[in-house]
């Protein structure tokens, strides 16, 4: 899973039939120290995220198999809207 911030929308009026009704958002991934990690990417959103929301995203086959039907041609899906992240520093991990 990755953490990122929604930075935009993607509108596609023509797409594969099994992608109809899905919302696509642009996500900018972040490291936990709040720096940018990678290039932005497109993720499917079924939970109502919007621009500015910090989200959890899963990628790969887990995203493609989001339903029990046939796999979808997607690589990323938003699985949660984050309220807060708490990280303890010190000890073995910090």
N, C-alpha and C. Protein backbone atom coordinates (compact mmCIF):
# COMPACT_ATOMS: atom_id res chain seq x y z
N UNK A 1 0.84 -1.18 0.00
CA UNK A 1 0.00 0.00 0.00
C UNK A 1 0.88 1.24 0.00
N UNK A 2 0.32 2.30 -0.52
CA UNK A 2 0.98 3.60 -0.54
C UNK A 2 0.06 4.65 0.07
N UNK A 3 0.67 5.73 0.55
CA UNK A 3 -0.06 6.90 1.01
C UNK A 3 0.19 8.00 -0.01
N UNK A 4 -0.85 8.76 -0.30
CA UNK A 4 -0.69 9.87 -1.23
C UNK A 4 -1.79 10.89 -1.04
N UNK A 5 -1.69 11.96 -1.80
CA UNK A 5 -2.68 13.02 -1.77
C UNK A 5 -3.33 13.13 -3.15
N UNK A 6 -4.64 13.24 -3.17
CA UNK A 6 -5.36 13.41 -4.43
C UNK A 6 -5.10 14.82 -4.94
N UNK A 7 -4.59 14.91 -6.18
CA UNK A 7 -4.25 16.22 -6.75
C UNK A 7 -5.06 16.56 -8.00
N UNK A 8 -5.91 15.64 -8.45
CA UNK A 8 -6.69 15.96 -9.64
C UNK A 8 -7.67 14.87 -10.02
N UNK A 9 -8.48 15.18 -11.03
CA UNK A 9 -9.47 14.26 -11.58
C UNK A 9 -9.09 13.89 -13.00
N UNK A 10 -9.53 12.72 -13.45
CA UNK A 10 -9.38 12.32 -14.85
C UNK A 10 -10.77 12.05 -15.38
N UNK A 11 -11.10 12.71 -16.50
CA UNK A 11 -12.40 12.51 -17.13
C UNK A 11 -12.17 11.75 -18.43
N UNK A 12 -12.83 10.63 -18.58
CA UNK A 12 -12.72 9.82 -19.80
C UNK A 12 -14.12 9.40 -20.21
N UNK A 13 -14.64 10.01 -21.25
CA UNK A 13 -15.99 9.68 -21.68
C UNK A 13 -16.02 8.35 -22.44
N UNK A 14 -14.92 7.97 -23.05
CA UNK A 14 -14.84 6.69 -23.77
C UNK A 14 -13.80 5.83 -23.08
N UNK A 15 -14.22 4.65 -22.66
CA UNK A 15 -13.32 3.72 -21.97
C UNK A 15 -13.88 2.31 -22.09
N UNK A 16 -13.13 1.34 -21.62
CA UNK A 16 -13.58 -0.05 -21.63
C UNK A 16 -14.94 -0.16 -20.93
N UNK A 17 -15.79 -1.04 -21.45
CA UNK A 17 -17.14 -1.18 -20.91
C UNK A 17 -17.17 -1.46 -19.41
N UNK A 18 -16.26 -2.32 -18.93
CA UNK A 18 -16.29 -2.68 -17.50
C UNK A 18 -15.70 -1.59 -16.60
N UNK A 19 -15.29 -0.47 -17.17
CA UNK A 19 -14.81 0.66 -16.37
C UNK A 19 -15.85 1.77 -16.24
N UNK A 20 -16.99 1.56 -16.88
CA UNK A 20 -18.06 2.58 -16.80
C UNK A 20 -18.53 2.73 -15.35
N UNK A 21 -18.75 3.95 -14.97
CA UNK A 21 -19.24 4.23 -13.62
C UNK A 21 -18.14 4.38 -12.59
N UNK A 22 -16.89 4.13 -12.97
CA UNK A 22 -15.78 4.29 -12.03
C UNK A 22 -15.20 5.69 -12.12
N UNK A 23 -14.80 6.23 -10.98
CA UNK A 23 -14.21 7.57 -10.90
C UNK A 23 -12.69 7.41 -10.87
N UNK A 24 -11.98 8.25 -11.62
CA UNK A 24 -10.53 8.19 -11.68
C UNK A 24 -9.93 9.47 -11.10
N UNK A 25 -8.96 9.33 -10.19
CA UNK A 25 -8.31 10.46 -9.56
C UNK A 25 -6.80 10.38 -9.76
N UNK A 26 -6.15 11.53 -9.77
CA UNK A 26 -4.69 11.59 -9.84
C UNK A 26 -4.17 11.68 -8.41
N UNK A 27 -3.24 10.78 -8.07
CA UNK A 27 -2.69 10.71 -6.71
C UNK A 27 -1.19 10.99 -6.76
N UNK A 28 -0.73 11.85 -5.86
CA UNK A 28 0.71 12.11 -5.70
C UNK A 28 1.17 11.34 -4.47
N UNK A 29 2.01 10.29 -4.66
CA UNK A 29 2.46 9.51 -3.51
C UNK A 29 3.37 10.31 -2.58
N UNK A 30 3.38 9.93 -1.32
CA UNK A 30 4.20 10.60 -0.31
C UNK A 30 4.93 9.57 0.54
N UNK A 31 6.11 9.94 1.00
CA UNK A 31 6.77 9.17 2.03
C UNK A 31 6.15 9.59 3.36
N UNK A 32 6.36 8.80 4.39
CA UNK A 32 5.76 9.13 5.68
C UNK A 32 6.36 10.40 6.30
N UNK A 33 7.51 10.85 5.80
CA UNK A 33 8.08 12.11 6.29
C UNK A 33 7.55 13.30 5.49
N UNK A 34 6.48 13.05 4.70
CA UNK A 34 5.73 14.05 3.94
C UNK A 34 6.45 14.56 2.70
N UNK A 35 7.54 13.95 2.30
CA UNK A 35 8.18 14.35 1.05
C UNK A 35 7.55 13.57 -0.10
N UNK A 36 7.71 14.10 -1.32
CA UNK A 36 7.20 13.39 -2.49
C UNK A 36 8.04 12.15 -2.72
N UNK A 37 7.41 11.09 -3.15
CA UNK A 37 8.08 9.81 -3.33
C UNK A 37 8.31 9.51 -4.81
N UNK A 38 7.28 9.45 -5.60
CA UNK A 38 7.34 9.07 -6.99
C UNK A 38 6.48 10.02 -7.82
N UNK A 39 6.42 9.72 -9.11
CA UNK A 39 5.53 10.46 -9.99
C UNK A 39 4.08 10.16 -9.63
N UNK A 40 3.22 11.10 -9.95
CA UNK A 40 1.80 10.89 -9.70
C UNK A 40 1.28 9.77 -10.59
N UNK A 41 0.14 9.19 -10.19
CA UNK A 41 -0.48 8.11 -10.94
C UNK A 41 -1.99 8.22 -10.83
N UNK A 42 -2.69 7.46 -11.67
CA UNK A 42 -4.15 7.46 -11.68
C UNK A 42 -4.65 6.26 -10.87
N UNK A 43 -5.64 6.50 -10.02
CA UNK A 43 -6.23 5.44 -9.21
C UNK A 43 -7.75 5.50 -9.31
N UNK A 44 -8.38 4.35 -9.30
CA UNK A 44 -9.84 4.27 -9.26
C UNK A 44 -10.30 4.62 -7.85
N UNK A 45 -11.38 5.36 -7.76
CA UNK A 45 -11.95 5.73 -6.45
C UNK A 45 -13.40 5.28 -6.39
N UNK A 46 -13.72 4.43 -5.43
CA UNK A 46 -15.11 4.00 -5.20
C UNK A 46 -15.62 4.43 -3.83
N UNK A 47 -14.80 5.20 -3.08
CA UNK A 47 -15.21 5.55 -1.72
C UNK A 47 -15.48 7.03 -1.51
N UNK A 48 -15.32 7.85 -2.56
CA UNK A 48 -15.68 9.26 -2.46
C UNK A 48 -14.57 10.20 -2.07
N UNK A 49 -13.33 9.88 -2.40
CA UNK A 49 -12.22 10.79 -2.12
C UNK A 49 -12.30 11.99 -3.05
N UNK A 50 -11.65 13.07 -2.67
CA UNK A 50 -11.64 14.27 -3.49
C UNK A 50 -10.30 14.96 -3.43
N UNK A 51 -10.16 16.00 -4.21
CA UNK A 51 -8.90 16.74 -4.27
C UNK A 51 -8.53 17.24 -2.89
N UNK A 52 -7.26 17.02 -2.52
CA UNK A 52 -6.75 17.41 -1.21
C UNK A 52 -6.81 16.32 -0.16
N UNK A 53 -7.57 15.26 -0.40
CA UNK A 53 -7.66 14.17 0.57
C UNK A 53 -6.37 13.35 0.56
N UNK A 54 -5.95 12.96 1.76
CA UNK A 54 -4.84 12.02 1.90
C UNK A 54 -5.46 10.62 1.88
N UNK A 55 -4.92 9.74 1.03
CA UNK A 55 -5.55 8.45 0.80
C UNK A 55 -4.55 7.29 0.91
N UNK A 56 -5.11 6.08 1.13
CA UNK A 56 -4.35 4.84 1.05
C UNK A 56 -4.70 4.20 -0.28
N UNK A 57 -3.67 3.71 -0.96
CA UNK A 57 -3.86 3.13 -2.29
C UNK A 57 -3.19 1.77 -2.32
N UNK A 58 -3.86 0.80 -2.95
CA UNK A 58 -3.22 -0.47 -3.22
C UNK A 58 -3.08 -0.60 -4.73
N UNK A 59 -2.03 -1.30 -5.14
CA UNK A 59 -1.73 -1.39 -6.57
C UNK A 59 -1.55 -2.83 -6.99
N UNK A 60 -1.51 -3.04 -8.29
CA UNK A 60 -1.24 -4.36 -8.85
C UNK A 60 -2.46 -5.25 -8.87
N UNK A 61 -2.24 -6.54 -8.70
CA UNK A 61 -3.32 -7.51 -8.84
C UNK A 61 -4.42 -7.31 -7.80
N UNK A 62 -4.09 -6.81 -6.62
CA UNK A 62 -5.12 -6.55 -5.61
C UNK A 62 -6.11 -5.51 -6.12
N UNK A 63 -5.63 -4.52 -6.83
CA UNK A 63 -6.52 -3.49 -7.39
C UNK A 63 -7.35 -4.07 -8.53
N UNK A 64 -6.72 -4.84 -9.39
CA UNK A 64 -7.42 -5.40 -10.56
C UNK A 64 -8.53 -6.36 -10.15
N UNK A 65 -8.38 -6.99 -9.00
CA UNK A 65 -9.38 -7.97 -8.53
C UNK A 65 -10.27 -7.37 -7.44
N UNK A 66 -10.68 -6.12 -7.62
CA UNK A 66 -11.48 -5.45 -6.59
C UNK A 66 -12.89 -6.01 -6.47
N UNK A 67 -13.33 -6.77 -7.45
CA UNK A 67 -14.63 -7.42 -7.37
C UNK A 67 -14.44 -8.92 -7.60
N UNK A 68 -15.46 -9.68 -7.35
CA UNK A 68 -15.36 -11.13 -7.56
C UNK A 68 -15.55 -11.49 -9.03
N UNK A 69 -15.90 -10.51 -9.85
CA UNK A 69 -16.03 -10.74 -11.29
C UNK A 69 -14.64 -10.82 -11.92
N UNK A 70 -14.59 -10.76 -13.21
CA UNK A 70 -13.32 -10.81 -13.94
C UNK A 70 -12.44 -9.62 -13.53
N UNK A 71 -11.12 -9.80 -13.58
CA UNK A 71 -10.20 -8.70 -13.23
C UNK A 71 -10.43 -7.49 -14.14
N UNK A 72 -10.27 -6.31 -13.56
CA UNK A 72 -10.41 -5.07 -14.32
C UNK A 72 -9.04 -4.60 -14.81
N UNK A 73 -8.99 -3.86 -15.92
CA UNK A 73 -7.72 -3.36 -16.42
C UNK A 73 -7.29 -2.08 -15.69
N UNK A 74 -7.07 -2.22 -14.37
CA UNK A 74 -6.61 -1.08 -13.56
C UNK A 74 -5.39 -1.52 -12.76
N UNK A 75 -4.60 -0.54 -12.35
CA UNK A 75 -3.39 -0.83 -11.59
C UNK A 75 -3.42 -0.27 -10.17
N UNK A 76 -4.36 0.63 -9.87
CA UNK A 76 -4.39 1.24 -8.54
C UNK A 76 -5.82 1.56 -8.14
N UNK A 77 -6.11 1.37 -6.85
CA UNK A 77 -7.43 1.70 -6.32
C UNK A 77 -7.28 2.31 -4.93
N UNK A 78 -8.06 3.36 -4.68
CA UNK A 78 -8.06 4.01 -3.37
C UNK A 78 -8.89 3.14 -2.44
N UNK A 79 -8.29 2.77 -1.30
CA UNK A 79 -8.97 1.88 -0.36
C UNK A 79 -9.29 2.55 0.97
N UNK A 80 -8.87 3.81 1.15
CA UNK A 80 -9.18 4.50 2.39
C UNK A 80 -8.84 5.97 2.31
N UNK A 81 -9.60 6.78 3.04
CA UNK A 81 -9.30 8.20 3.21
C UNK A 81 -8.72 8.35 4.61
N UNK A 82 -7.53 8.91 4.69
CA UNK A 82 -6.77 8.96 5.94
C UNK A 82 -7.19 10.17 6.77
N UNK A 83 -7.47 9.92 8.06
CA UNK A 83 -7.75 11.00 8.99
C UNK A 83 -6.46 11.53 9.61
N UNK A 84 -5.58 10.62 10.02
CA UNK A 84 -4.30 11.03 10.60
C UNK A 84 -3.33 9.86 10.55
N UNK A 85 -2.05 10.19 10.65
CA UNK A 85 -0.98 9.19 10.70
C UNK A 85 -0.10 9.54 11.88
N UNK A 86 0.09 8.61 12.80
CA UNK A 86 0.95 8.82 13.97
C UNK A 86 2.12 7.86 13.88
N UNK A 87 3.34 8.41 13.95
CA UNK A 87 4.55 7.59 13.88
C UNK A 87 5.42 7.94 15.08
N UNK A 88 5.78 6.91 15.84
CA UNK A 88 6.69 7.12 16.95
C UNK A 88 8.11 7.03 16.46
N UNK A 89 8.94 7.96 16.91
CA UNK A 89 10.36 7.96 16.54
C UNK A 89 11.16 7.46 17.74
N UNK A 90 12.31 6.84 17.46
CA UNK A 90 13.17 6.33 18.52
C UNK A 90 13.18 4.82 18.53
N UNK A 91 13.97 4.25 19.42
CA UNK A 91 14.04 2.79 19.49
C UNK A 91 14.65 2.20 18.25
N UNK A 92 14.27 0.99 17.94
CA UNK A 92 14.85 0.27 16.82
C UNK A 92 14.41 0.84 15.47
N UNK A 93 13.27 1.48 15.40
CA UNK A 93 12.74 1.95 14.13
C UNK A 93 13.05 3.39 13.80
N UNK A 94 13.76 4.09 14.62
CA UNK A 94 13.90 5.48 14.28
C UNK A 94 15.10 6.11 14.81
